[in-house]
Protein backbone atom coordinates (compact mmCIF):
# COMPACT_ATOMS: atom_id res chain seq x y z
CA ILE A 1 0.00 0.00 0.00
CA LEU A 2 2.83 2.41 0.93
CA LEU A 3 4.20 2.95 -2.59
CA GLY A 4 4.46 6.67 -2.23
CA VAL A 5 3.06 9.77 -0.65
CA LEU A 6 0.83 10.48 -3.64
CA ILE A 7 -0.64 6.99 -3.66
CA LEU A 8 -1.09 7.05 0.14
CA GLY A 9 -2.83 10.41 -0.03
CA THR A 10 -5.13 9.14 -2.76
CA LEU A 11 -5.98 6.04 -0.76
CA LEU A 12 -6.74 8.07 2.34
CA LEU A 13 -8.91 10.43 0.35
CA CYS A 14 -10.83 7.57 -1.24
CA SER A 15 -11.14 5.86 2.11
CA ALA A 16 -12.51 9.02 3.69
CA CYS A 17 -15.02 9.47 0.87
CA HIS A 18 -16.05 5.84 1.12
CA HIS A 19 -16.42 6.10 4.91
CA LYS A 20 -18.48 9.24 4.57
CA LYS A 21 -20.73 7.52 2.05
CA ASN A 22 -21.19 4.50 4.30
CA LYS A 23 -21.99 6.69 7.28
CA THR A 24 -24.56 8.58 5.26
CA GLU A 25 -26.11 5.32 4.11
CA GLU A 26 -26.19 4.00 7.70
CA SER A 27 -27.84 7.18 8.96
CA ALA A 28 -30.42 6.89 6.20
CA THR A 29 -31.31 3.33 7.14
CA ILE A 30 -31.96 4.01 10.84
CA THR A 31 -34.52 6.59 11.89
CA LEU A 32 -34.97 6.85 15.62
CA ASN A 33 -38.73 6.93 16.10
CA GLU A 34 -41.58 4.95 17.59
CA GLU A 35 -41.85 2.63 14.59
CA SER A 36 -38.16 1.67 14.47
CA VAL A 37 -37.75 1.34 18.23
CA THR A 38 -40.92 -0.74 18.55
CA SER A 39 -39.73 -3.00 15.72
CA PHE A 40 -36.38 -3.32 17.50
CA ALA A 41 -38.14 -4.42 20.71
CA ARG A 42 -40.38 -6.93 18.95
CA ASN A 43 -37.41 -8.43 17.16
CA ILE A 44 -35.75 -9.04 20.53
CA VAL A 45 -38.85 -10.82 21.86
CA GLU A 46 -39.14 -12.93 18.69
CA SER A 47 -35.48 -13.95 18.96
CA ILE A 48 -35.97 -15.11 22.55
CA TYR A 49 -38.92 -17.29 21.57
CA ASN A 50 -36.78 -18.69 18.76
CA GLY A 51 -34.24 -19.77 21.36
CA ASN A 52 -31.68 -17.07 20.54
CA ALA A 53 -30.42 -14.97 23.45
CA ASP A 54 -27.54 -13.35 21.55
CA ILE A 55 -29.59 -10.68 19.79
CA PHE A 56 -30.78 -9.31 23.14
CA ASN A 57 -27.33 -9.69 24.71
CA LYS A 58 -25.66 -7.86 21.84
CA SER A 59 -28.25 -5.08 21.89
CA ILE A 60 -26.72 -3.67 25.09
CA ASP A 61 -24.24 -0.86 24.43
CA LYS A 62 -21.41 -2.25 26.57
CA ASN A 63 -19.09 0.60 25.68
CA HIS A 64 -21.58 3.10 27.07
CA ILE A 65 -22.07 1.10 30.27
CA LYS A 66 -18.31 0.80 30.60
CA SER A 67 -17.91 4.56 30.21
CA ILE A 68 -20.32 5.05 33.11
CA LEU A 69 -18.32 2.59 35.21
CA SER A 70 -15.11 4.47 34.39
CA GLU A 71 -16.26 7.22 36.74
CA ASN A 72 -15.74 4.78 39.62
CA SER A 73 -11.97 4.24 39.70
CA ILE A 74 -12.16 1.22 41.99
CA VAL A 75 -14.67 -0.55 39.78
CA TYR A 76 -12.83 0.39 36.61
CA SER A 77 -9.63 -1.10 38.04
CA GLY A 78 -11.55 -4.36 38.20
CA PHE A 79 -11.19 -4.71 34.45
CA ASP A 80 -7.46 -5.26 35.04
CA VAL A 81 -8.13 -8.10 37.47
CA GLU A 82 -8.16 -11.60 36.01
CA GLY A 83 -11.67 -12.39 34.87
CA GLY A 84 -12.83 -8.77 35.34
CA GLN A 85 -13.89 -8.22 31.74
CA LYS A 86 -15.71 -11.54 31.62
CA TYR A 87 -17.51 -10.75 34.88
CA PHE A 88 -18.61 -7.41 33.39
CA GLU A 89 -19.96 -9.08 30.27
CA ASN A 90 -21.76 -11.77 32.28
CA CYS A 91 -23.56 -9.04 34.22
CA LEU A 92 -25.04 -7.84 30.93
CA ARG A 93 -26.31 -11.16 29.58
CA VAL A 94 -29.92 -10.02 29.81
CA GLY A 95 -30.88 -12.27 26.90
CA ASP A 96 -29.84 -15.35 28.84
CA ILE A 97 -32.17 -14.37 31.68
CA ALA A 98 -35.11 -13.84 29.31
CA LEU A 99 -34.47 -17.11 27.50
CA GLN A 100 -34.17 -19.05 30.76
CA THR A 101 -37.47 -17.56 31.92
CA VAL A 102 -39.22 -18.79 28.77
CA ASN A 103 -37.54 -22.21 28.95
CA ASP A 104 -38.72 -22.55 32.56
CA GLY A 105 -42.34 -22.11 31.47
CA GLY A 106 -42.60 -18.36 31.98
CA THR A 107 -43.11 -15.57 29.46
CA PHE A 108 -41.23 -12.59 28.07
CA ALA A 109 -42.98 -9.68 26.40
CA PHE A 110 -42.59 -6.17 25.02
CA VAL A 111 -45.17 -4.07 26.85
CA LYS A 112 -44.74 -0.40 26.07
CA TYR A 113 -42.93 2.25 24.04
CA TYR A 114 -42.79 5.87 25.16
CA LYS A 115 -40.67 8.96 24.65
CA LYS A 116 -39.63 11.22 27.51
CA ASP A 117 -37.07 14.03 27.65
CA ASN A 118 -36.18 13.25 24.04
CA GLN A 119 -35.24 9.67 24.96
CA HIS A 120 -36.89 6.59 23.47
CA HIS A 121 -37.94 3.92 25.98
CA ILE A 122 -39.06 0.32 25.65
CA ILE A 123 -40.42 -1.74 28.52
CA PHE A 124 -39.99 -5.52 28.65
CA ARG A 125 -41.69 -7.84 31.11
CA THR A 126 -40.58 -11.22 32.38
CA TYR A 127 -42.87 -13.57 34.29
CA ASN A 128 -42.38 -16.95 35.90
CA ASP A 129 -44.12 -18.71 38.78
CA PHE A 130 -46.21 -15.66 39.73
CA ILE A 131 -43.13 -13.44 39.89
CA VAL A 132 -43.21 -10.39 37.61
CA ASN A 133 -40.42 -8.02 36.66
CA PHE A 134 -40.18 -5.07 34.27
CA ALA A 135 -37.18 -3.42 32.62
CA ASP A 136 -37.46 0.11 31.24
CA TYR A 137 -34.67 0.51 28.66
CA ILE A 138 -33.40 3.62 26.87
CA VAL A 139 -32.75 3.07 23.14
CA ASP A 140 -30.51 5.16 20.89
CA THR A 141 -28.49 4.79 17.70
CA VAL A 142 -24.90 3.55 17.90
CA LYS A 143 -22.86 3.35 14.69
CA GLY A 144 -25.95 3.08 12.55
CA ALA A 145 -27.77 0.54 14.71
CA LEU A 146 -30.31 0.71 17.52
CA MET A 147 -28.92 -0.29 20.91
CA ILE A 148 -29.92 -0.20 24.56
CA LYS A 149 -27.91 2.45 26.40
CA ASP A 150 -29.15 1.82 29.94
CA GLY A 151 -32.39 1.17 31.77
CA PHE A 152 -34.28 0.97 35.04
CA ILE A 153 -34.79 -2.55 36.41
CA TYR A 154 -37.88 -2.75 38.58
CA ASN A 155 -36.91 -5.66 40.83
CA THR A 156 -33.58 -4.10 41.83
CA GLY A 157 -34.92 -0.55 42.02
CA SER A 158 -31.93 0.81 40.12
CA MET A 159 -30.41 1.42 36.70
CA LEU A 160 -28.82 -1.44 34.79
CA SER A 161 -25.48 0.39 34.85
CA LYS A 162 -25.66 0.75 38.62
CA ASN A 163 -26.48 -2.93 39.03
CA VAL A 164 -23.37 -3.80 37.04
CA GLU A 165 -21.21 -1.23 38.82
CA TYR A 166 -22.07 -2.36 42.32
CA SER A 167 -22.08 -6.03 41.44
CA MET A 168 -18.52 -5.60 40.19
CA LEU A 169 -17.61 -3.51 43.24
CA TYR A 170 -19.03 -6.14 45.60
CA ASN A 171 -17.13 -8.91 43.85
CA LEU A 172 -13.91 -6.89 43.73
CA MET A 173 -14.06 -5.81 47.38
CA LEU A 174 -14.62 -9.39 48.51
CA GLN A 175 -11.43 -10.33 46.69
CA THR A 176 -9.24 -7.38 47.64
CA ASN A 177 -10.59 -5.95 50.91
CA PRO A 178 -12.93 -8.42 52.60
CA GLU A 179 -12.45 -6.76 56.00
CA SER A 180 -14.02 -3.50 54.80
CA ASP A 181 -17.70 -2.63 55.28
CA ILE A 182 -18.49 -5.07 52.51
CA GLN A 183 -18.15 -7.86 55.08
CA TRP A 184 -21.48 -6.78 56.56
CA LEU A 185 -23.28 -7.04 53.25
CA GLN A 186 -21.83 -10.49 52.72
CA LYS A 187 -22.80 -11.48 56.27
CA ALA A 188 -26.35 -10.21 55.71
CA GLU A 189 -26.59 -12.14 52.45
CA THR A 190 -25.38 -15.34 54.13
CA LEU A 191 -27.86 -14.94 57.00
CA THR A 192 -30.72 -14.29 54.58
CA GLN A 193 -29.93 -17.46 52.65
CA ALA A 194 -29.84 -19.36 55.94
CA GLY A 195 -33.29 -18.06 56.90
CA GLN A 196 -31.98 -15.94 59.77
CA HIS A 197 -33.94 -12.90 58.68
CA ALA A 198 -34.07 -10.89 61.91
CA GLN A 199 -30.31 -11.11 62.34
CA SER A 200 -29.71 -10.12 58.72
CA LEU A 201 -32.08 -7.17 59.00
CA SER A 202 -30.34 -6.00 62.17
CA ILE A 203 -26.96 -5.95 60.39
CA LEU A 204 -28.39 -4.11 57.40
CA LYS A 205 -29.94 -1.43 59.60
CA ALA A 206 -26.72 -0.99 61.58
CA HIS A 207 -24.59 -0.50 58.45
CA LYS A 208 -27.08 1.30 56.21
CA ASP A 209 -24.98 4.40 55.49
CA ALA A 210 -22.04 2.32 54.30
CA LEU A 211 -24.04 -0.15 52.21
CA LYS A 212 -27.22 1.52 50.90
CA GLU A 213 -25.68 2.39 47.51
CA TYR A 214 -25.51 -1.31 46.67
CA PRO A 215 -28.76 -2.47 44.98
CA LEU A 216 -28.23 -5.76 46.83
CA TYR A 217 -28.68 -3.87 50.11
CA TYR A 218 -32.35 -3.06 49.52
CA GLN A 219 -33.01 -6.41 47.89
CA LEU A 220 -31.86 -8.12 51.08
CA TYR A 221 -33.54 -5.51 53.28
CA ILE A 222 -36.95 -5.98 51.69
CA ALA A 223 -36.65 -9.79 51.57
CA ASN A 224 -35.91 -9.86 55.29
CA LEU A 225 -38.52 -7.22 56.04
CA TYR A 226 -41.17 -9.42 54.45
CA LYS A 227 -40.14 -12.42 56.53
CA THR A 228 -40.11 -10.46 59.80
CA SER A 229 -43.19 -8.27 59.25
CA SER A 230 -45.43 -10.13 56.81
CA ASN A 231 -48.62 -8.91 58.50
CA ASN A 232 -47.83 -5.25 57.82
CA PHE A 233 -45.26 -5.54 55.07
CA ASP A 234 -46.99 -2.92 52.91
CA GLN A 235 -46.87 -0.38 55.74
CA GLN A 236 -43.19 -1.12 56.25
CA LEU A 237 -42.59 -0.49 52.55
CA ASP A 238 -44.32 2.88 52.80
CA ILE A 239 -41.73 3.94 55.37
CA LEU A 240 -39.11 3.53 52.64
CA LYS A 241 -40.92 5.67 50.04
CA ASP A 242 -38.41 8.53 50.29
CA GLU A 243 -35.47 6.15 49.84
CA ILE A 244 -36.57 3.83 47.05
CA ASP A 245 -38.06 4.35 43.59
CA ALA A 246 -41.86 4.08 43.63
CA ARG A 247 -41.83 1.43 40.87
CA TYR A 248 -39.72 -0.85 43.06
CA LEU A 249 -42.08 -0.53 46.02
CA LEU A 250 -45.18 -0.99 43.86
CA LEU A 251 -43.80 -4.19 42.35
CA HIS A 252 -43.19 -5.64 45.81
CA LYS A 253 -46.64 -4.56 46.95
CA LEU A 254 -48.16 -6.29 43.92
CA LEU A 255 -46.51 -9.58 44.81
CA TYR A 256 -47.46 -9.18 48.48
CA TYR A 257 -51.15 -8.46 47.83
CA THR A 258 -51.41 -11.12 45.11
CA ASN A 259 -49.98 -13.89 47.26
CA GLY A 260 -51.95 -12.63 50.25
CA GLY A 261 -55.28 -12.98 48.47
CA LYS A 262 -56.20 -9.29 48.67
CA PRO A 263 -57.98 -8.53 45.37
CA GLU A 264 -58.87 -4.90 46.11
CA LYS A 265 -55.32 -4.02 47.11
CA THR A 266 -53.97 -5.99 44.15
CA GLU A 267 -56.18 -4.03 41.76
CA GLU A 268 -55.22 -0.74 43.39
CA THR A 269 -51.52 -1.54 43.00
CA ILE A 270 -51.94 -2.66 39.39
CA ASN A 271 -53.67 0.63 38.59
CA ALA A 272 -50.75 2.48 40.17
CA LEU A 273 -48.20 0.46 38.17
CA ILE A 274 -49.86 0.73 34.75
CA PRO A 275 -48.87 4.39 34.14
CA HIS A 276 -45.25 3.31 34.62
CA SER A 277 -45.14 -0.15 33.05
CA GLY A 278 -47.95 -0.02 30.56
CA ASP A 279 -51.10 -2.15 30.64
CA ASP A 280 -49.96 -5.76 30.45
CA PRO A 281 -52.36 -8.76 30.37
CA ILE A 282 -50.10 -10.45 32.92
CA TYR A 283 -51.80 -8.22 35.46
CA LEU A 284 -55.01 -10.14 34.82
CA LEU A 285 -53.27 -13.31 35.94
CA MET A 286 -51.93 -11.66 39.09
CA TYR A 287 -55.35 -10.27 39.93
CA ALA A 288 -56.94 -13.66 39.23
CA LYS A 289 -54.54 -15.35 41.59
CA SER A 290 -55.45 -12.95 44.39
CA GLN A 291 -59.13 -13.73 43.72
CA MET A 292 -58.44 -17.47 43.78
CA ILE A 293 -56.64 -17.26 47.12
CA ALA A 294 -59.59 -15.24 48.41
CA GLY A 295 -61.93 -18.01 47.18
CA ASN A 296 -63.55 -15.93 44.43
CA TYR A 297 -63.20 -18.45 41.63
CA GLN A 298 -65.81 -17.03 39.26
CA ASP A 299 -64.22 -13.57 39.33
CA ALA A 300 -60.82 -15.18 38.86
CA LEU A 301 -62.06 -17.23 35.90
CA THR A 302 -63.40 -14.13 34.14
CA CYS A 303 -59.94 -12.54 34.36
CA LEU A 304 -58.19 -15.69 33.23
CA GLN A 305 -60.43 -16.11 30.20
CA THR A 306 -59.62 -12.56 29.11
CA ALA A 307 -55.91 -13.13 29.72
CA THR A 308 -56.03 -16.35 27.68
CA GLU A 309 -57.34 -14.39 24.71
CA SER A 310 -54.51 -11.85 25.05
CA MET A 311 -51.45 -14.03 25.61
CA PRO A 312 -49.93 -17.20 24.17
CA PRO A 313 -50.56 -20.24 26.39
CA PHE A 314 -48.22 -20.90 29.31
CA TRP A 315 -48.45 -23.23 32.27
CA ASP A 316 -49.55 -20.96 35.15
CA LEU A 317 -52.27 -19.33 33.09
CA TRP A 318 -53.66 -22.67 31.95
CA ALA A 319 -53.35 -24.41 35.34
CA SER A 320 -55.09 -21.50 37.10
CA GLU A 321 -57.99 -21.60 34.66
CA LEU A 322 -58.30 -25.38 35.03
CA LYS A 323 -58.39 -25.06 38.81
CA CYS A 324 -61.17 -22.47 38.60
CA TYR A 325 -63.32 -24.76 36.45
CA SER A 326 -62.67 -27.56 38.93
CA LYS A 327 -63.65 -25.45 41.96
CA LEU A 328 -66.78 -24.21 40.17
CA LYS A 329 -67.66 -27.79 39.14
CA ASP A 330 -67.99 -26.62 35.54
CA ILE A 331 -67.44 -29.97 33.79
CA PRO A 332 -67.74 -28.76 30.16
CA GLY A 333 -65.40 -25.84 30.84
CA TYR A 334 -62.99 -28.13 32.68
CA ASN A 335 -62.87 -30.66 29.85
CA ASP A 336 -62.36 -27.96 27.23
CA CYS A 337 -59.55 -26.38 29.26
CA LEU A 338 -57.99 -29.78 29.89
CA GLN A 339 -57.91 -30.53 26.18
CA ARG A 340 -56.26 -27.18 25.49
CA GLY A 341 -53.60 -28.11 28.02
CA LYS A 342 -53.04 -31.47 26.37
CA ASP A 343 -52.68 -29.78 22.99
CA ALA A 344 -50.36 -27.05 24.24
CA PHE A 345 -48.19 -28.94 26.73
CA GLY A 346 -48.66 -32.62 25.88
CA ILE A 347 -49.95 -33.23 29.40
CA THR A 348 -51.52 -36.61 30.21
CA ASP A 349 -54.48 -37.53 32.41
CA GLU A 350 -52.06 -39.14 34.85
CA GLU A 351 -50.08 -35.94 35.13
CA VAL A 352 -53.31 -34.00 35.75
CA LYS A 353 -54.16 -36.37 38.60
CA LYS A 354 -50.79 -35.68 40.18
CA MET A 355 -51.58 -31.96 40.03
CA GLY A 356 -54.60 -32.62 42.21
CA ILE A 357 -56.91 -30.52 40.04
């Protein structure tokens, strides 16, 4: 290539022109608007149901997340530690989580697009075993392609970038300075896993100022709070309203009221969540479950029938509907629902008997 200054200059000029042309073509192919961003989101969902997690994984702008992490010198030094880069990338394998959810019998869905402060947002929902989570992602163009820059994760109450940052910090501190305040977060985590909730909560309260920036702190705090104050858990959550994002608290209230069989409170919480998350038919299932626990099987069935029309079949939705028909002694409805289950899941009569429905 280096045959002379003239040739080199010509090559550089041609290269620059070619690059400029390509960039113009790329810009022309991607228009950042509701249509393109919605299509981007739907393509991610379709890829998950086709068993491909890579499209979702690769949609995360890792360079942008890394630039945010660079502001924390301790965390950024973790990239120089053996396995640091791999740990960072593993923290961002959101596609793997979505695919595992679907493979486990749950669902993954695109719920809502909206634009705020000149930023384009998409909201995804995962569901499995009556546990719901939402992720509110910010989408922008990167080198001619749409990518996810960052996003708020409901069940951690924090941004995706912060989850990665403090997960890396936690891991790094355990390796390099385990005698620091991080020891208390590790101790609280160990106690929580061992079912020693009061002890864990006591440690978390005592070391709040040092640990509250870690998303894991409030995850452990709320998990232990539920176990130690299940009769007034919602009131205990309200005490935290000035410390934690409202979406985080509402999600926990939804699960609490649903599993507690409190339909009115469940409905109230769903109505408070919808302006944030969008109106998702999964809410019908959650509301139906609260009605079932309360013994209101006809009301639950009405919700489930509507949900069945709005979502592809999955186990919890079908099994809940079958149970309602059984409790209501609706034999034709039961038999029709049972056949749909056989067609969708290949379930046998023997397996139904083991379910006790």
